[in-house]
Amino acid sequence: MNTAFANLYQSAFTPTESERRMSAAAEQYVVETEAYDRSVCTGPVIRGAIMPANAHQQRLVNRNSMRAFDYLCTQHPEFARQHIRREISRTESRSPSL
């Protein structure tokens, strides 16, 4: 096999320190918001996540997630909000049943 090709396309991926910090922050957000959701919601569990049973629970969940996201962004100003959202989405899709 061509060594140049192997070096470019078959190397092992190692995340940077910045990528590891963002991933850890996103995982912390997902774990904390799901824990809060489980403390206030009484709806069904769908794909490992509890659902709000009524509009009041939905408002509580939304308010908490916005506060948690804002806090996360202030703790990590080196990352753009859009990038943090994308990493949270990836984290949620990788581990739907935390």
C-alpha atoms as a PDB file:
ATOM      1  CA  MET A   1       0.000   0.000   0.000  1.00  0.00           C
ATOM      2  CA  ASN A   2       1.131   3.536  -0.690  1.00  0.00           C
ATOM      3  CA  THR A   3       2.724   4.977   2.467  1.00  0.00           C
ATOM      4  CA  ALA A   4       1.736   8.559   1.668  1.00  0.00           C
ATOM      5  CA  PHE A   5      -1.902   7.505   1.273  1.00  0.00           C
ATOM      6  CA  ALA A   6      -1.802   5.548   4.516  1.00  0.00           C
ATOM      7  CA  ASN A   7      -0.288   8.504   6.395  1.00  0.00           C
ATOM      8  CA  LEU A   8      -2.966  10.877   5.132  1.00  0.00           C
ATOM      9  CA  TYR A   9      -6.097   8.750   5.286  1.00  0.00           C
ATOM     10  CA  GLN A  10      -5.506   5.826   7.596  1.00  0.00           C
ATOM     11  CA  SER A  11      -4.005   7.446  10.645  1.00  0.00           C
ATOM     12  CA  ALA A  12      -5.580   7.224  14.072  1.00  0.00           C
ATOM     13  CA  PHE A  13      -7.701  10.204  15.068  1.00  0.00           C
ATOM     14  CA  THR A  14      -6.620  11.892  18.276  1.00  0.00           C
ATOM     15  CA  PRO A  15      -8.734  14.819  19.469  1.00  0.00           C
ATOM     16  CA  THR A  16      -7.021  18.026  20.486  1.00  0.00           C
ATOM     17  CA  GLU A  17      -7.152  19.337  24.045  1.00  0.00           C
ATOM     18  CA  SER A  18      -9.718  21.922  22.924  1.00  0.00           C
ATOM     19  CA  GLU A  19     -11.921  19.218  21.383  1.00  0.00           C
ATOM     20  CA  ARG A  20     -11.677  17.137  24.563  1.00  0.00           C
ATOM     21  CA  ARG A  21     -12.720  20.132  26.695  1.00  0.00           C
ATOM     22  CA  MET A  22     -15.687  20.865  24.439  1.00  0.00           C
ATOM     23  CA  SER A  23     -16.758  17.228  24.448  1.00  0.00           C
ATOM     24  CA  ALA A  24     -16.517  17.053  28.244  1.00  0.00           C
ATOM     25  CA  ALA A  25     -18.524  20.271  28.613  1.00  0.00           C
ATOM     26  CA  ALA A  26     -21.231  18.987  26.257  1.00  0.00           C
ATOM     27  CA  GLU A  27     -21.420  15.694  28.111  1.00  0.00           C
ATOM     28  CA  GLN A  28     -21.724  17.521  31.429  1.00  0.00           C
ATOM     29  CA  TYR A  29     -24.573  19.630  29.982  1.00  0.00           C
ATOM     30  CA  VAL A  30     -26.439  16.552  28.753  1.00  0.00           C
ATOM     31  CA  VAL A  31     -26.050  14.699  32.056  1.00  0.00           C
ATOM     32  CA  GLU A  32     -27.090  17.688  34.166  1.00  0.00           C
ATOM     33  CA  THR A  33     -30.106  18.640  32.065  1.00  0.00           C
ATOM     34  CA  GLU A  34     -31.320  15.048  31.914  1.00  0.00           C
ATOM     35  CA  ALA A  35     -30.969  14.766  35.700  1.00  0.00           C
ATOM     36  CA  TYR A  36     -33.043  17.920  36.117  1.00  0.00           C
ATOM     37  CA  ASP A  37     -35.618  16.656  33.619  1.00  0.00           C
ATOM     38  CA  ARG A  38     -35.964  13.440  35.592  1.00  0.00           C
ATOM     39  CA  SER A  39     -36.550  15.436  38.777  1.00  0.00           C
ATOM     40  CA  VAL A  40     -39.464  17.480  37.358  1.00  0.00           C
ATOM     41  CA  CYS A  41     -41.024  15.402  34.570  1.00  0.00           C
ATOM     42  CA  THR A  42     -43.642  12.723  34.995  1.00  0.00           C
ATOM     43  CA  GLY A  43     -44.149  11.793  31.350  1.00  0.00           C
ATOM     44  CA  PRO A  44     -43.003   8.680  29.522  1.00  0.00           C
ATOM     45  CA  VAL A  45     -39.378   7.724  28.915  1.00  0.00           C
ATOM     46  CA  ILE A  46     -38.651   7.742  25.185  1.00  0.00           C
ATOM     47  CA  ARG A  47     -35.284   6.546  23.862  1.00  0.00           C
ATOM     48  CA  GLY A  48     -33.786   6.870  27.331  1.00  0.00           C
ATOM     49  CA  ALA A  49     -34.955  10.443  27.970  1.00  0.00           C
ATOM     50  CA  ILE A  50     -37.919  11.405  30.123  1.00  0.00           C
ATOM     51  CA  MET A  51     -40.580  13.594  28.531  1.00  0.00           C
ATOM     52  CA  PRO A  52     -42.594  16.360  30.170  1.00  0.00           C
ATOM     53  CA  ALA A  53     -46.195  15.409  30.859  1.00  0.00           C
ATOM     54  CA  ASN A  54     -47.683  18.909  30.554  1.00  0.00           C
ATOM     55  CA  ALA A  55     -46.956  22.500  29.539  1.00  0.00           C
ATOM     56  CA  HIS A  56     -45.727  23.481  33.006  1.00  0.00           C
ATOM     57  CA  GLN A  57     -43.104  20.738  33.015  1.00  0.00           C
ATOM     58  CA  GLN A  58     -42.094  21.740  29.473  1.00  0.00           C
ATOM     59  CA  ARG A  59     -41.540  25.342  30.607  1.00  0.00           C
ATOM     60  CA  LEU A  60     -39.427  24.170  33.553  1.00  0.00           C
ATOM     61  CA  VAL A  61     -37.319  21.960  31.288  1.00  0.00           C
ATOM     62  CA  ASN A  62     -36.851  24.714  28.700  1.00  0.00           C
ATOM     63  CA  ARG A  63     -35.918  27.315  31.313  1.00  0.00           C
ATOM     64  CA  ASN A  64     -33.377  24.990  32.878  1.00  0.00           C
ATOM     65  CA  SER A  65     -31.821  24.039  29.558  1.00  0.00           C
ATOM     66  CA  MET A  66     -31.445  27.710  28.555  1.00  0.00           C
ATOM     67  CA  ARG A  67     -29.827  28.563  31.892  1.00  0.00           C
ATOM     68  CA  ALA A  68     -27.510  25.556  31.687  1.00  0.00           C
ATOM     69  CA  PHE A  69     -26.530  26.434  28.122  1.00  0.00           C
ATOM     70  CA  ASP A  70     -25.851  30.079  28.991  1.00  0.00           C
ATOM     71  CA  TYR A  71     -23.743  28.981  31.959  1.00  0.00           C
ATOM     72  CA  LEU A  72     -21.814  26.555  29.764  1.00  0.00           C
ATOM     73  CA  CYS A  73     -21.124  29.325  27.242  1.00  0.00           C
ATOM     74  CA  THR A  74     -19.872  31.697  29.932  1.00  0.00           C
ATOM     75  CA  GLN A  75     -17.611  28.978  31.347  1.00  0.00           C
ATOM     76  CA  HIS A  76     -16.144  28.274  27.885  1.00  0.00           C
ATOM     77  CA  PRO A  77     -15.923  31.605  26.036  1.00  0.00           C
ATOM     78  CA  GLU A  78     -13.287  30.168  23.684  1.00  0.00           C
ATOM     79  CA  PHE A  79     -16.032  28.180  21.913  1.00  0.00           C
ATOM     80  CA  ALA A  80     -18.751  29.694  19.744  1.00  0.00           C
ATOM     81  CA  ARG A  81     -22.320  29.020  20.854  1.00  0.00           C
ATOM     82  CA  GLN A  82     -23.029  27.310  17.541  1.00  0.00           C
ATOM     83  CA  HIS A  83     -20.125  24.890  18.042  1.00  0.00           C
ATOM     84  CA  ILE A  84     -21.251  24.095  21.570  1.00  0.00           C
ATOM     85  CA  ARG A  85     -24.796  23.381  20.324  1.00  0.00           C
ATOM     86  CA  ARG A  86     -23.417  21.077  17.646  1.00  0.00           C
ATOM     87  CA  GLU A  87     -21.294  19.176  20.174  1.00  0.00           C
ATOM     88  CA  ILE A  88     -24.269  18.821  22.538  1.00  0.00           C
ATOM     89  CA  SER A  89     -26.303  17.411  19.671  1.00  0.00           C
ATOM     90  CA  ARG A  90     -23.534  14.925  18.860  1.00  0.00           C
ATOM     91  CA  THR A  91     -23.271  13.920  22.505  1.00  0.00           C
ATOM     92  CA  GLU A  92     -27.023  13.345  22.755  1.00  0.00           C
ATOM     93  CA  SER A  93     -27.087  11.269  19.591  1.00  0.00           C
ATOM     94  CA  ARG A  94     -24.118   9.123  20.697  1.00  0.00           C
ATOM     95  CA  SER A  95     -25.566   8.273  24.095  1.00  0.00           C
ATOM     96  CA  PRO A  96     -29.374   8.531  24.056  1.00  0.00           C
ATOM     97  CA  SER A  97     -29.750   6.499  27.238  1.00  0.00           C
ATOM     98  CA  LEU A  98     -27.465   8.162  29.775  1.00  0.00           C
END
